[in-house]
C-alpha atoms as a PDB file:
ATOM      1  CA  MET A   1       8.484  14.275 -18.270  1.00  0.00           C
ATOM      2  CA  THR A   2       8.844  10.176 -18.283  1.00  0.00           C
ATOM      3  CA  GLY A   3      12.147  10.774 -18.596  1.00  0.00           C
ATOM      4  CA  ARG A   4      12.071  12.783 -15.288  1.00  0.00           C
ATOM      5  CA  ARG A   5      10.275  10.604 -13.682  1.00  0.00           C
ATOM      6  CA  GLU A   6      13.008   7.701 -15.043  1.00  0.00           C
ATOM      7  CA  ALA A   7      15.619   9.475 -13.361  1.00  0.00           C
ATOM      8  CA  VAL A   8      13.646  10.257  -9.825  1.00  0.00           C
ATOM      9  CA  LYS A   9      12.678   6.637  -9.886  1.00  0.00           C
ATOM     10  CA  LEU A  10      16.386   5.819 -10.680  1.00  0.00           C
ATOM     11  CA  LEU A  11      17.359   7.742  -7.069  1.00  0.00           C
ATOM     12  CA  TYR A  12      14.631   5.947  -4.635  1.00  0.00           C
ATOM     13  CA  LYS A  13      17.011   2.275  -6.015  1.00  0.00           C
ATOM     14  CA  PRO A  14      20.184   3.082  -3.416  1.00  0.00           C
ATOM     15  CA  LEU A  15      17.667   4.735  -0.627  1.00  0.00           C
ATOM     16  CA  SER A  16      15.600   1.330  -0.924  1.00  0.00           C
ATOM     17  CA  LEU A  17      19.420  -0.539  -0.727  1.00  0.00           C
ATOM     18  CA  VAL A  18      19.755   1.700   2.514  1.00  0.00           C
ATOM     19  CA  VAL A  19      15.798   1.317   3.848  1.00  0.00           C
ATOM     20  CA  SER A  20      16.508  -3.431   3.499  1.00  0.00           C
ATOM     21  CA  ALA A  21      19.834  -3.177   4.873  1.00  0.00           C
ATOM     22  CA  LEU A  22      18.647  -0.859   8.977  1.00  0.00           C
ATOM     23  CA  GLY A  23      15.248  -3.300   8.633  1.00  0.00           C
ATOM     24  CA  GLY A  24      17.323  -7.005   8.398  1.00  0.00           C
ATOM     25  CA  VAL A  25      19.071  -5.511  11.265  1.00  0.00           C
ATOM     26  CA  LEU A  26      15.995  -4.118  12.712  1.00  0.00           C
ATOM     27  CA  ALA A  27      14.264  -7.141  12.277  1.00  0.00           C
ATOM     28  CA  GLY A  28      17.037  -9.927  13.066  1.00  0.00           C
ATOM     29  CA  ALA A  29      17.131  -7.718  16.384  1.00  0.00           C
ATOM     30  CA  ILE A  30      13.280  -7.762  16.809  1.00  0.00           C
ATOM     31  CA  PHE A  31      13.893 -11.739  16.350  1.00  0.00           C
ATOM     32  CA  LYS A  32      16.530 -12.102  18.839  1.00  0.00           C
ATOM     33  CA  GLN A  33      14.230 -10.123  21.499  1.00  0.00           C
ATOM     34  CA  SER A  34      11.232 -12.281  20.357  1.00  0.00           C
ATOM     35  CA  TRP A  35      12.735 -15.636  20.517  1.00  0.00           C
ATOM     36  CA  LYS A  36      14.909 -15.306  24.009  1.00  0.00           C
ATOM     37  CA  ALA A  37      11.512 -14.418  25.265  1.00  0.00           C
ATOM     38  CA  ILE A  38       9.582 -17.649  24.029  1.00  0.00           C
ATOM     39  CA  SER A  39      12.691 -20.061  24.937  1.00  0.00           C
ATOM     40  CA  GLY A  40      15.020 -18.382  27.488  1.00  0.00           C
ATOM     41  CA  GLU A  41      17.777 -19.113  25.062  1.00  0.00           C
ATOM     42  CA  ALA A  42      20.117 -16.509  24.122  1.00  0.00           C
ATOM     43  CA  GLU A  43      20.515 -18.207  20.498  1.00  0.00           C
ATOM     44  CA  ALA A  44      17.844 -19.444  18.154  1.00  0.00           C
ATOM     45  CA  PRO A  45      18.501 -23.119  17.056  1.00  0.00           C
ATOM     46  CA  LYS A  46      19.973 -23.988  13.667  1.00  0.00           C
ATOM     47  CA  ALA A  47      18.681 -25.809  10.957  1.00  0.00           C
ATOM     48  CA  THR A  48      21.791 -28.361  11.660  1.00  0.00           C
ATOM     49  CA  SER A  49      20.741 -28.297  14.966  1.00  0.00           C
ATOM     50  CA  THR A  50      20.780 -31.897  16.369  1.00  0.00           C
ATOM     51  CA  GLU A  51      20.320 -30.532  20.331  1.00  0.00           C
ATOM     52  CA  HIS A  52      16.857 -29.220  19.453  1.00  0.00           C
ATOM     53  CA  ALA A  53      13.959 -30.924  18.814  1.00  0.00           C
ATOM     54  CA  PHE A  54      13.016 -30.580  14.982  1.00  0.00           C
ATOM     55  CA  ARG A  55       9.354 -28.635  15.803  1.00  0.00           C
ATOM     56  CA  GLU A  56      11.522 -26.091  18.079  1.00  0.00           C
ATOM     57  CA  VAL A  57      13.795 -25.613  15.178  1.00  0.00           C
ATOM     58  CA  LEU A  58      10.574 -25.101  12.289  1.00  0.00           C
ATOM     59  CA  LEU A  59       9.773 -22.721  15.221  1.00  0.00           C
ATOM     60  CA  ALA A  60      12.395 -20.472  15.223  1.00  0.00           C
ATOM     61  CA  ALA A  61      12.419 -20.620  11.089  1.00  0.00           C
ATOM     62  CA  ALA A  62       8.982 -19.603  11.245  1.00  0.00           C
ATOM     63  CA  LEU A  63       9.389 -16.944  13.327  1.00  0.00           C
ATOM     64  CA  GLN A  64      12.024 -15.832  11.889  1.00  0.00           C
ATOM     65  CA  GLY A  65      10.353 -15.944   8.382  1.00  0.00           C
ATOM     66  CA  ALA A  66       6.982 -14.169   9.964  1.00  0.00           C
ATOM     67  CA  ILE A  67       9.231 -10.892  11.470  1.00  0.00           C
ATOM     68  CA  PHE A  68      11.170 -10.842   9.211  1.00  0.00           C
ATOM     69  CA  GLY A  69       8.311 -10.587   6.368  1.00  0.00           C
ATOM     70  CA  VAL A  70       6.862  -8.348   8.332  1.00  0.00           C
ATOM     71  CA  VAL A  71       9.129  -5.720   8.960  1.00  0.00           C
ATOM     72  CA  LYS A  72      10.682  -6.147   5.077  1.00  0.00           C
ATOM     73  CA  ALA A  73       6.830  -4.735   3.850  1.00  0.00           C
ATOM     74  CA  ALA A  74       6.826  -2.063   6.618  1.00  0.00           C
ATOM     75  CA  PHE A  75       9.876  -0.277   5.734  1.00  0.00           C
ATOM     76  CA  GLU A  76       9.713  -1.371   2.117  1.00  0.00           C
ATOM     77  CA  ARG A  77       6.085   0.544   2.402  1.00  0.00           C
ATOM     78  CA  GLY A  78       6.754   3.155   4.765  1.00  0.00           C
ATOM     79  CA  GLY A  79      10.195   4.289   2.618  1.00  0.00           C
ATOM     80  CA  ALA A  80       7.774   4.055  -0.346  1.00  0.00           C
ATOM     81  CA  GLU A  81       5.079   6.500   0.980  1.00  0.00           C
ATOM     82  CA  VAL A  82       8.112   8.728   2.165  1.00  0.00           C
ATOM     83  CA  PHE A  83       9.356   8.928  -1.589  1.00  0.00           C
ATOM     84  CA  HIS A  84       6.611   9.561  -3.231  1.00  0.00           C
ATOM     85  CA  ARG A  85       5.744  12.469  -0.654  1.00  0.00           C
ATOM     86  CA  THR A  86       8.826  14.224  -1.340  1.00  0.00           C
ATOM     87  CA  THR A  87       8.929  13.355  -5.119  1.00  0.00           C
ATOM     88  CA  GLY A  88       5.194  13.004  -6.003  1.00  0.00           C
ATOM     89  CA  THR A  89       6.183  10.072  -7.658  1.00  0.00           C
ATOM     90  CA  ASP A  90       4.423   6.921  -8.003  1.00  0.00           C
ATOM     91  CA  LEU A  91       7.248   3.761  -7.973  1.00  0.00           C
ATOM     92  CA  GLU A  92       4.145   1.419  -8.863  1.00  0.00           C
ATOM     93  CA  LYS A  93       2.491   3.531 -12.024  1.00  0.00           C
ATOM     94  CA  LYS A  94       2.747   0.829 -14.411  1.00  0.00           C
ATOM     95  CA  ARG A  95       2.296   1.330 -18.642  1.00  0.00           C
ATOM     96  CA  ILE A  96       0.678  -1.765 -20.754  1.00  0.00           C
ATOM     97  CA  SER A  97       4.127  -2.780 -22.663  1.00  0.00           C
ATOM     98  CA  SER A  98       3.767  -2.189 -27.004  1.00  0.00           C
ATOM     99  CA  ALA A  99       3.437  -6.470 -26.290  1.00  0.00           C
ATOM    100  CA  GLU A 100       0.805  -6.177 -24.627  1.00  0.00           C
ATOM    101  CA  ALA A 101      -1.353  -3.635 -26.683  1.00  0.00           C
ATOM    102  CA  ALA A 102      -0.067  -5.634 -30.071  1.00  0.00           C
ATOM    103  CA  PRO A 103      -3.537  -7.398 -30.950  1.00  0.00           C
ATOM    104  CA  PHE A 104      -5.600  -4.451 -30.216  1.00  0.00           C
ATOM    105  CA  ARG A 105      -3.680  -1.918 -32.209  1.00  0.00           C
ATOM    106  CA  GLY A 106      -6.468   0.325 -34.707  1.00  0.00           C
ATOM    107  CA  THR A 107      -9.599  -1.237 -32.164  1.00  0.00           C
ATOM    108  CA  GLY A 108      -9.074   2.020 -29.799  1.00  0.00           C
ATOM    109  CA  SER A 109      -7.568   2.523 -26.506  1.00  0.00           C
ATOM    110  CA  ALA A 110      -6.133  -0.558 -25.471  1.00  0.00           C
ATOM    111  CA  ARG A 111      -7.252  -0.774 -22.283  1.00  0.00           C
ATOM    112  CA  ALA A 112     -11.273  -0.300 -23.631  1.00  0.00           C
ATOM    113  CA  ALA A 113     -10.267  -3.265 -25.777  1.00  0.00           C
ATOM    114  CA  ARG A 114      -9.483  -5.391 -22.657  1.00  0.00           C
ATOM    115  CA  TYR A 115     -13.157  -5.174 -21.812  1.00  0.00           C
ATOM    116  CA  ARG A 116     -14.674  -5.496 -25.195  1.00  0.00           C
ATOM    117  CA  VAL A 117     -16.279  -9.175 -26.199  1.00  0.00           C
ATOM    118  CA  ARG A 118     -15.048 -10.970 -29.520  1.00  0.00           C
ATOM    119  CA  ARG A 119     -17.458 -11.148 -31.077  1.00  0.00           C
ATOM    120  CA  CYS A 120     -17.996 -14.609 -33.129  1.00  0.00           C
ATOM    121  CA  PRO A 121     -17.606 -14.268 -37.280  1.00  0.00           C
ATOM    122  CA  PRO A 122     -20.799 -15.090 -39.054  1.00  0.00           C
ATOM    123  CA  GLY A 123     -21.342 -18.497 -39.498  1.00  0.00           C
ATOM    124  CA  ARG A 124     -19.339 -19.679 -36.167  1.00  0.00           C
ATOM    125  CA  ARG A 125     -20.933 -20.562 -32.830  1.00  0.00           C
ATOM    126  CA  ALA A 126     -19.340 -18.629 -29.934  1.00  0.00           C
ATOM    127  CA  SER A 127     -17.996 -22.738 -28.448  1.00  0.00           C
ATOM    128  CA  GLY A 128     -15.963 -22.177 -32.134  1.00  0.00           C
ATOM    129  CA  ARG A 129     -17.788 -24.938 -33.595  1.00  0.00           C
ATOM    130  CA  ALA A 130     -19.286 -24.023 -37.663  1.00  0.00           C
ATOM    131  CA  ARG A 131     -22.957 -24.407 -38.086  1.00  0.00           C
ATOM    132  CA  ARG A 132     -23.982 -26.318 -40.101  1.00  0.00           C
END
């Protein structure tokens, strides 16, 4: 089952690249239209532009970052949901690594061991100091 799951997840990578590229194009178009509506200028100021005020350059950068972040998240989420519905594979199913499980070997399941309280050895207090 895990071999099939890994193969199916491998198919998601090219799909993810295409979806990301489409999202970037859409985000660029949304930003251009938004900037034109806000400032009345066709082009947003570049960071190196000295003819625009500092705060105008920062506003353009913040708006562009926000739009790209929202569009990227929406496209990634939508792509993951379509992939999950189509293949039945959850992309974020996480397994505990062997390095994480190492301290808990022989103590039952690793998940249960995370919630256990370690008891102090006899003659020790919880703070780690020895009794006198």
